[in-house]
Amino acid sequence: MAVRTAEAEWKGNLREGQGTVKLGSGAYEGNYSFASRFETGKGTNPEELIAAAHAGCFSMALSAGLSKAGFTPTRVHTTAKVHLEPVEGGFGITKIELLTEAQIPGIDNATFQQQAEAAKKGCPVSKALAATPITLEAKLV
């Protein structure tokens, strides 16, 4: 199976230092800093990258499940919100919210909700992040 890579480099101390992250595929390379992680500074941060991975994984898992159930989604759009908060001993990811909207011809809401829950549980990124509470709000549009 596939092995995916990414790399990061940090230079300097925590507050004034700066870093770069780079995806092994070359699809993204960007800067990150204390301000971009803990404040509202320019650049990315690890939590934003986790959110992107989770949103992408969930959307694909939902589409796969729907297809297996005989439905062809027109569109699945997911936003993931990763909460980084102070916890005992430092900071921690305390919650992840998945918000998805989907256009799926011929599906009823109950079936859609079942498929969305199954995707949340079955998505490989959800499994990797299972120690963190993950909520889901799924809407048909």
N, C-alpha and C. Protein backbone atom coordinates (compact mmCIF):
# COMPACT_ATOMS: atom_id res chain seq x y z
N MET A 1 0.83 -1.19 0.00
CA MET A 1 0.00 0.00 0.00
C MET A 1 0.87 1.25 0.00
N ALA A 2 0.23 2.37 -0.15
CA ALA A 2 0.93 3.65 -0.26
C ALA A 2 1.50 4.10 1.08
N VAL A 3 2.63 4.73 1.02
CA VAL A 3 3.23 5.41 2.17
C VAL A 3 3.35 6.88 1.79
N ARG A 4 2.71 7.74 2.53
CA ARG A 4 2.73 9.18 2.23
C ARG A 4 3.72 9.87 3.16
N THR A 5 4.37 10.90 2.65
CA THR A 5 5.36 11.60 3.46
C THR A 5 5.11 13.10 3.45
N ALA A 6 5.61 13.72 4.45
CA ALA A 6 5.66 15.18 4.54
C ALA A 6 6.85 15.49 5.43
N GLU A 7 7.33 16.70 5.35
CA GLU A 7 8.45 17.08 6.20
C GLU A 7 8.24 18.47 6.76
N ALA A 8 8.87 18.72 7.86
CA ALA A 8 8.80 20.03 8.50
C ALA A 8 10.18 20.39 9.03
N GLU A 9 10.46 21.67 9.01
CA GLU A 9 11.71 22.17 9.59
C GLU A 9 11.38 23.41 10.42
N TRP A 10 11.94 23.49 11.61
CA TRP A 10 11.74 24.62 12.50
C TRP A 10 13.09 25.23 12.80
N LYS A 11 13.17 26.56 12.75
CA LYS A 11 14.41 27.27 13.05
C LYS A 11 14.13 28.30 14.14
N GLY A 12 14.90 28.25 15.20
CA GLY A 12 14.78 29.23 16.27
C GLY A 12 13.98 28.73 17.44
N ASN A 13 13.73 29.64 18.37
CA ASN A 13 12.96 29.27 19.56
C ASN A 13 11.47 29.24 19.23
N LEU A 14 10.67 28.88 20.21
CA LEU A 14 9.24 28.69 19.97
C LEU A 14 8.55 29.98 19.53
N ARG A 15 8.73 31.07 20.26
CA ARG A 15 7.99 32.31 19.97
C ARG A 15 8.46 33.05 18.72
N GLU A 16 9.77 33.18 18.55
CA GLU A 16 10.29 33.97 17.42
C GLU A 16 10.71 33.12 16.23
N GLY A 17 10.76 31.82 16.40
CA GLY A 17 11.19 30.94 15.32
C GLY A 17 10.17 30.87 14.20
N GLN A 18 10.57 30.13 13.18
CA GLN A 18 9.66 29.93 12.06
C GLN A 18 9.98 28.60 11.40
N GLY A 19 9.00 28.09 10.71
CA GLY A 19 9.18 26.79 10.09
C GLY A 19 8.54 26.71 8.73
N THR A 20 8.83 25.60 8.07
CA THR A 20 8.21 25.28 6.79
C THR A 20 7.72 23.84 6.83
N VAL A 21 6.64 23.61 6.15
CA VAL A 21 6.13 22.26 5.95
C VAL A 21 6.04 22.01 4.45
N LYS A 22 6.27 20.78 4.08
CA LYS A 22 6.29 20.43 2.66
C LYS A 22 5.71 19.04 2.48
N LEU A 23 4.79 18.91 1.56
CA LEU A 23 4.21 17.60 1.26
C LEU A 23 5.15 16.85 0.32
N GLY A 24 5.26 15.56 0.53
CA GLY A 24 6.12 14.73 -0.30
C GLY A 24 5.75 14.76 -1.77
N SER A 25 4.48 14.97 -2.08
CA SER A 25 4.02 15.02 -3.46
C SER A 25 4.42 16.32 -4.15
N GLY A 26 4.81 17.32 -3.36
CA GLY A 26 5.12 18.63 -3.92
C GLY A 26 3.89 19.50 -4.12
N ALA A 27 2.71 19.01 -3.75
CA ALA A 27 1.47 19.76 -3.96
C ALA A 27 1.36 20.99 -3.06
N TYR A 28 2.07 20.99 -1.94
CA TYR A 28 1.99 22.12 -1.02
C TYR A 28 3.31 22.28 -0.29
N GLU A 29 3.72 23.54 -0.15
CA GLU A 29 4.84 23.90 0.71
C GLU A 29 4.50 25.26 1.30
N GLY A 30 4.63 25.39 2.61
CA GLY A 30 4.27 26.66 3.23
C GLY A 30 4.95 26.89 4.55
N ASN A 31 4.82 28.11 5.03
CA ASN A 31 5.42 28.53 6.28
C ASN A 31 4.46 28.36 7.44
N TYR A 32 5.04 28.20 8.63
CA TYR A 32 4.25 28.24 9.85
C TYR A 32 5.07 28.87 10.94
N SER A 33 4.37 29.36 11.97
CA SER A 33 5.04 30.09 13.05
C SER A 33 4.22 29.97 14.32
N PHE A 34 4.74 30.49 15.40
CA PHE A 34 3.98 30.53 16.65
C PHE A 34 2.68 31.29 16.41
N ALA A 35 2.77 32.44 15.72
CA ALA A 35 1.58 33.27 15.48
C ALA A 35 0.56 32.54 14.61
N SER A 36 1.00 31.79 13.59
CA SER A 36 0.03 31.11 12.73
C SER A 36 -0.60 29.91 13.42
N ARG A 37 0.04 29.44 14.48
CA ARG A 37 -0.51 28.29 15.20
C ARG A 37 -1.37 28.68 16.39
N PHE A 38 -0.90 29.62 17.17
CA PHE A 38 -1.58 29.95 18.43
C PHE A 38 -2.30 31.29 18.42
N GLU A 39 -2.11 32.07 17.36
CA GLU A 39 -2.75 33.38 17.26
C GLU A 39 -3.44 33.45 15.89
N THR A 40 -3.33 34.57 15.21
CA THR A 40 -3.93 34.70 13.89
C THR A 40 -2.91 35.15 12.85
N GLY A 41 -1.69 34.68 13.00
CA GLY A 41 -0.63 35.07 12.08
C GLY A 41 -0.74 34.39 10.73
N LYS A 42 0.05 34.91 9.80
CA LYS A 42 0.08 34.41 8.44
C LYS A 42 0.79 33.06 8.38
N GLY A 43 0.28 32.17 7.56
CA GLY A 43 0.89 30.86 7.39
C GLY A 43 -0.06 29.76 7.82
N THR A 44 0.41 28.54 7.76
CA THR A 44 -0.41 27.39 8.13
C THR A 44 -0.04 26.92 9.52
N ASN A 45 -0.52 25.75 9.88
CA ASN A 45 -0.20 25.13 11.17
C ASN A 45 -0.58 23.66 11.11
N PRO A 46 -0.04 22.86 12.02
CA PRO A 46 -0.34 21.42 11.97
C PRO A 46 -1.84 21.11 12.07
N GLU A 47 -2.58 21.85 12.87
CA GLU A 47 -4.00 21.58 13.05
C GLU A 47 -4.79 21.84 11.77
N GLU A 48 -4.42 22.87 11.03
CA GLU A 48 -5.08 23.17 9.77
C GLU A 48 -4.81 22.05 8.76
N LEU A 49 -3.61 21.52 8.78
CA LEU A 49 -3.27 20.42 7.87
C LEU A 49 -4.03 19.15 8.26
N ILE A 50 -4.19 18.91 9.56
CA ILE A 50 -5.01 17.78 10.02
C ILE A 50 -6.45 17.98 9.56
N ALA A 51 -6.97 19.20 9.68
CA ALA A 51 -8.33 19.49 9.25
C ALA A 51 -8.50 19.21 7.76
N ALA A 52 -7.54 19.61 6.95
CA ALA A 52 -7.61 19.37 5.50
C ALA A 52 -7.62 17.87 5.21
N ALA A 53 -6.75 17.14 5.90
CA ALA A 53 -6.68 15.70 5.70
C ALA A 53 -7.99 15.03 6.10
N HIS A 54 -8.56 15.46 7.23
CA HIS A 54 -9.79 14.84 7.71
C HIS A 54 -10.96 15.16 6.78
N ALA A 55 -11.08 16.41 6.35
CA ALA A 55 -12.17 16.78 5.44
C ALA A 55 -12.08 16.00 4.13
N GLY A 56 -10.88 15.88 3.59
CA GLY A 56 -10.69 15.14 2.35
C GLY A 56 -11.00 13.66 2.50
N CYS A 57 -10.51 13.07 3.57
CA CYS A 57 -10.73 11.65 3.82
C CYS A 57 -12.21 11.36 4.03
N PHE A 58 -12.87 12.15 4.85
CA PHE A 58 -14.29 11.94 5.13
C PHE A 58 -15.11 12.06 3.85
N SER A 59 -14.86 13.10 3.05
CA SER A 59 -15.62 13.30 1.82
C SER A 59 -15.49 12.08 0.89
N MET A 60 -14.28 11.55 0.78
CA MET A 60 -14.07 10.38 -0.07
C MET A 60 -14.74 9.14 0.53
N ALA A 61 -14.63 8.97 1.84
CA ALA A 61 -15.25 7.81 2.50
C ALA A 61 -16.77 7.85 2.35
N LEU A 62 -17.36 9.03 2.49
CA LEU A 62 -18.80 9.16 2.32
C LEU A 62 -19.20 8.84 0.89
N SER A 63 -18.46 9.36 -0.06
CA SER A 63 -18.75 9.08 -1.47
C SER A 63 -18.64 7.58 -1.76
N ALA A 64 -17.63 6.93 -1.20
CA ALA A 64 -17.46 5.49 -1.41
C ALA A 64 -18.62 4.70 -0.82
N GLY A 65 -19.00 5.05 0.40
CA GLY A 65 -20.12 4.36 1.03
C GLY A 65 -21.43 4.54 0.28
N LEU A 66 -21.66 5.76 -0.15
CA LEU A 66 -22.87 6.05 -0.93
C LEU A 66 -22.88 5.25 -2.22
N SER A 67 -21.75 5.20 -2.89
CA SER A 67 -21.66 4.45 -4.15
C SER A 67 -21.94 2.97 -3.93
N LYS A 68 -21.39 2.40 -2.86
CA LYS A 68 -21.64 0.99 -2.54
C LYS A 68 -23.11 0.74 -2.24
N ALA A 69 -23.79 1.76 -1.69
CA ALA A 69 -25.22 1.64 -1.36
C ALA A 69 -26.12 1.94 -2.56
N GLY A 70 -25.51 2.24 -3.72
CA GLY A 70 -26.29 2.47 -4.92
C GLY A 70 -26.64 3.91 -5.22
N PHE A 71 -25.99 4.85 -4.53
CA PHE A 71 -26.24 6.27 -4.75
C PHE A 71 -25.00 6.92 -5.34
N THR A 72 -25.21 7.84 -6.28
CA THR A 72 -24.09 8.57 -6.87
C THR A 72 -24.17 10.02 -6.43
N PRO A 73 -23.28 10.43 -5.53
CA PRO A 73 -23.33 11.82 -5.08
C PRO A 73 -22.92 12.78 -6.20
N THR A 74 -23.65 13.88 -6.28
CA THR A 74 -23.29 14.95 -7.20
C THR A 74 -22.15 15.78 -6.60
N ARG A 75 -22.23 15.96 -5.27
CA ARG A 75 -21.25 16.81 -4.58
C ARG A 75 -21.25 16.47 -3.10
N VAL A 76 -20.06 16.38 -2.52
CA VAL A 76 -19.89 16.26 -1.08
C VAL A 76 -18.87 17.32 -0.67
N HIS A 77 -19.29 18.24 0.18
CA HIS A 77 -18.40 19.31 0.64
C HIS A 77 -18.30 19.22 2.16
N THR A 78 -17.07 19.08 2.67
CA THR A 78 -16.87 18.92 4.10
C THR A 78 -15.89 19.96 4.63
N THR A 79 -16.24 20.53 5.76
CA THR A 79 -15.35 21.41 6.51
C THR A 79 -15.01 20.69 7.81
N ALA A 80 -13.75 20.67 8.16
CA ALA A 80 -13.32 20.10 9.44
C ALA A 80 -12.76 21.24 10.29
N LYS A 81 -13.19 21.29 11.53
CA LYS A 81 -12.70 22.30 12.48
C LYS A 81 -11.95 21.57 13.59
N VAL A 82 -10.66 21.80 13.65
CA VAL A 82 -9.82 21.16 14.67
C VAL A 82 -9.57 22.18 15.77
N HIS A 83 -9.97 21.84 16.99
CA HIS A 83 -9.85 22.73 18.14
C HIS A 83 -8.55 22.47 18.88
N LEU A 84 -7.67 23.47 18.94
CA LEU A 84 -6.43 23.41 19.71
C LEU A 84 -6.63 24.30 20.93
N GLU A 85 -6.54 23.71 22.12
CA GLU A 85 -6.83 24.44 23.35
C GLU A 85 -5.83 24.08 24.45
N PRO A 86 -5.70 24.98 25.43
CA PRO A 86 -4.85 24.64 26.57
C PRO A 86 -5.43 23.44 27.32
N VAL A 87 -4.57 22.51 27.67
CA VAL A 87 -4.94 21.35 28.48
C VAL A 87 -3.85 21.18 29.54
N GLU A 88 -4.10 20.29 30.46
CA GLU A 88 -3.09 20.04 31.49
C GLU A 88 -1.78 19.63 30.82
N GLY A 89 -0.72 20.34 31.14
CA GLY A 89 0.59 20.03 30.58
C GLY A 89 0.90 20.70 29.26
N GLY A 90 0.05 21.59 28.76
CA GLY A 90 0.35 22.28 27.50
C GLY A 90 -0.89 22.53 26.67
N PHE A 91 -0.83 22.10 25.41
CA PHE A 91 -1.94 22.27 24.48
C PHE A 91 -2.35 20.91 23.94
N GLY A 92 -3.59 20.82 23.51
CA GLY A 92 -4.07 19.57 22.94
C GLY A 92 -5.18 19.81 21.94
N ILE A 93 -5.35 18.87 21.05
CA ILE A 93 -6.50 18.89 20.15
C ILE A 93 -7.65 18.28 20.93
N THR A 94 -8.63 19.11 21.25
CA THR A 94 -9.69 18.70 22.16
C THR A 94 -10.97 18.25 21.46
N LYS A 95 -11.13 18.62 20.20
CA LYS A 95 -12.36 18.27 19.49
C LYS A 95 -12.16 18.51 18.00
N ILE A 96 -12.83 17.70 17.20
CA ILE A 96 -12.88 17.91 15.76
C ILE A 96 -14.35 17.90 15.35
N GLU A 97 -14.74 18.94 14.64
CA GLU A 97 -16.11 19.03 14.11
C GLU A 97 -16.07 18.80 12.61
N LEU A 98 -16.85 17.86 12.14
CA LEU A 98 -17.03 17.64 10.71
C LEU A 98 -18.39 18.20 10.32
N LEU A 99 -18.40 19.09 9.35
CA LEU A 99 -19.63 19.69 8.83
C LEU A 99 -19.68 19.37 7.34
N THR A 100 -20.66 18.59 6.93
CA THR A 100 -20.71 18.20 5.53
C THR A 100 -22.06 18.52 4.93
N GLU A 101 -22.03 18.92 3.68
CA GLU A 101 -23.22 19.14 2.88
C GLU A 101 -23.07 18.30 1.63
N ALA A 102 -24.16 17.64 1.25
CA ALA A 102 -24.06 16.76 0.09
C ALA A 102 -25.30 16.84 -0.78
N GLN A 103 -25.07 16.72 -2.06
CA GLN A 103 -26.15 16.61 -3.04
C GLN A 103 -26.12 15.17 -3.54
N ILE A 104 -27.20 14.44 -3.27
CA ILE A 104 -27.25 13.03 -3.63
C ILE A 104 -28.65 12.73 -4.16
N PRO A 105 -28.79 12.58 -5.44
CA PRO A 105 -30.11 12.30 -6.01
C PRO A 105 -30.68 10.98 -5.47
N GLY A 106 -31.98 11.02 -5.11
CA GLY A 106 -32.71 9.81 -4.76
C GLY A 106 -32.50 9.25 -3.38
N ILE A 107 -31.83 9.95 -2.49
CA ILE A 107 -31.58 9.42 -1.15
C ILE A 107 -32.48 10.12 -0.14
N ASP A 108 -32.93 9.38 0.86
CA ASP A 108 -33.71 10.00 1.94
C ASP A 108 -32.75 10.39 3.06
N ASN A 109 -33.18 11.29 3.93
CA ASN A 109 -32.31 11.83 4.97
C ASN A 109 -31.83 10.75 5.95
N ALA A 110 -32.69 9.81 6.31
CA ALA A 110 -32.29 8.76 7.27
C ALA A 110 -31.14 7.92 6.70
N THR A 111 -31.27 7.53 5.44
CA THR A 111 -30.20 6.75 4.79
C THR A 111 -28.93 7.57 4.69
N PHE A 112 -29.08 8.84 4.34
CA PHE A 112 -27.92 9.72 4.26
C PHE A 112 -27.21 9.84 5.60
N GLN A 113 -27.96 10.03 6.67
CA GLN A 113 -27.36 10.15 8.00
C GLN A 113 -26.62 8.87 8.39
N GLN A 114 -27.20 7.71 8.06
CA GLN A 114 -26.53 6.44 8.34
C GLN A 114 -25.21 6.34 7.58
N GLN A 115 -25.23 6.72 6.33
CA GLN A 115 -24.02 6.69 5.51
C GLN A 115 -22.96 7.66 6.03
N ALA A 116 -23.41 8.84 6.45
CA ALA A 116 -22.47 9.84 6.98
C ALA A 116 -21.81 9.34 8.26
N GLU A 117 -22.59 8.76 9.16
CA GLU A 117 -22.03 8.21 10.41
C GLU A 117 -21.05 7.08 10.11
N ALA A 118 -21.39 6.23 9.17
CA ALA A 118 -20.49 5.13 8.80
C ALA A 118 -19.18 5.68 8.23
N ALA A 119 -19.27 6.73 7.43
CA ALA A 119 -18.06 7.34 6.87
C ALA A 119 -17.20 7.96 7.97
N LYS A 120 -17.84 8.58 8.94
CA LYS A 120 -17.10 9.18 10.06
C LYS A 120 -16.32 8.09 10.81
N LYS A 121 -16.95 6.97 11.05
CA LYS A 121 -16.30 5.87 11.78
C LYS A 121 -15.27 5.14 10.92
N GLY A 122 -15.52 5.05 9.61
CA GLY A 122 -14.66 4.24 8.75
C GLY A 122 -13.54 4.97 8.05
N CYS A 123 -13.59 6.27 8.02
CA CYS A 123 -12.54 7.05 7.36
C CYS A 123 -11.20 6.79 8.07
N PRO A 124 -10.13 6.47 7.34
CA PRO A 124 -8.85 6.20 7.97
C PRO A 124 -8.32 7.33 8.85
N VAL A 125 -8.58 8.57 8.48
CA VAL A 125 -8.13 9.68 9.31
C VAL A 125 -8.94 9.74 10.60
N SER A 126 -10.24 9.50 10.53
CA SER A 126 -11.05 9.43 11.75
C SER A 126 -10.51 8.33 12.68
N LYS A 127 -10.18 7.20 12.11
CA LYS A 127 -9.63 6.10 12.91
C LYS A 127 -8.32 6.51 13.58
N ALA A 128 -7.46 7.21 12.84
CA ALA A 128 -6.18 7.64 13.39
C ALA A 128 -6.36 8.67 14.51
N LEU A 129 -7.44 9.44 14.43
CA LEU A 129 -7.70 10.49 15.41
C LEU A 129 -8.75 10.08 16.44
N ALA A 130 -8.99 8.80 16.58
CA ALA A 130 -10.09 8.29 17.42
C ALA A 130 -9.98 8.69 18.89
N ALA A 131 -8.80 9.05 19.38
CA ALA A 131 -8.66 9.48 20.77
C ALA A 131 -9.28 10.86 21.01
N THR A 132 -9.59 11.57 19.93
CA THR A 132 -10.18 12.90 20.02
C THR A 132 -11.67 12.82 19.71
N PRO A 133 -12.52 13.49 20.49
CA PRO A 133 -13.95 13.50 20.16
C PRO A 133 -14.19 14.12 18.78
N ILE A 134 -14.96 13.42 17.96
CA ILE A 134 -15.29 13.89 16.61
C ILE A 134 -16.81 13.99 16.51
N THR A 135 -17.30 15.18 16.17
CA THR A 135 -18.73 15.37 15.96
C THR A 135 -19.00 15.50 14.47
N LEU A 136 -20.25 15.25 14.10
CA LEU A 136 -20.63 15.32 12.70
C LEU A 136 -21.97 16.01 12.56
N GLU A 137 -22.02 16.97 11.67
CA GLU A 137 -23.28 17.58 11.24
C GLU A 137 -23.37 17.38 9.75
N ALA A 138 -24.35 16.60 9.32
CA ALA A 138 -24.50 16.24 7.91
C ALA A 138 -25.83 16.74 7.37
N LYS A 139 -25.77 17.46 6.26
CA LYS A 139 -26.99 18.05 5.65
C LYS A 139 -27.08 17.67 4.19
N LEU A 140 -28.27 17.30 3.80
CA LEU A 140 -28.57 17.14 2.37
C LEU A 140 -28.96 18.51 1.81
N VAL A 141 -28.44 18.84 0.65
CA VAL A 141 -28.79 20.12 0.03
C VAL A 141 -29.28 19.88 -1.38
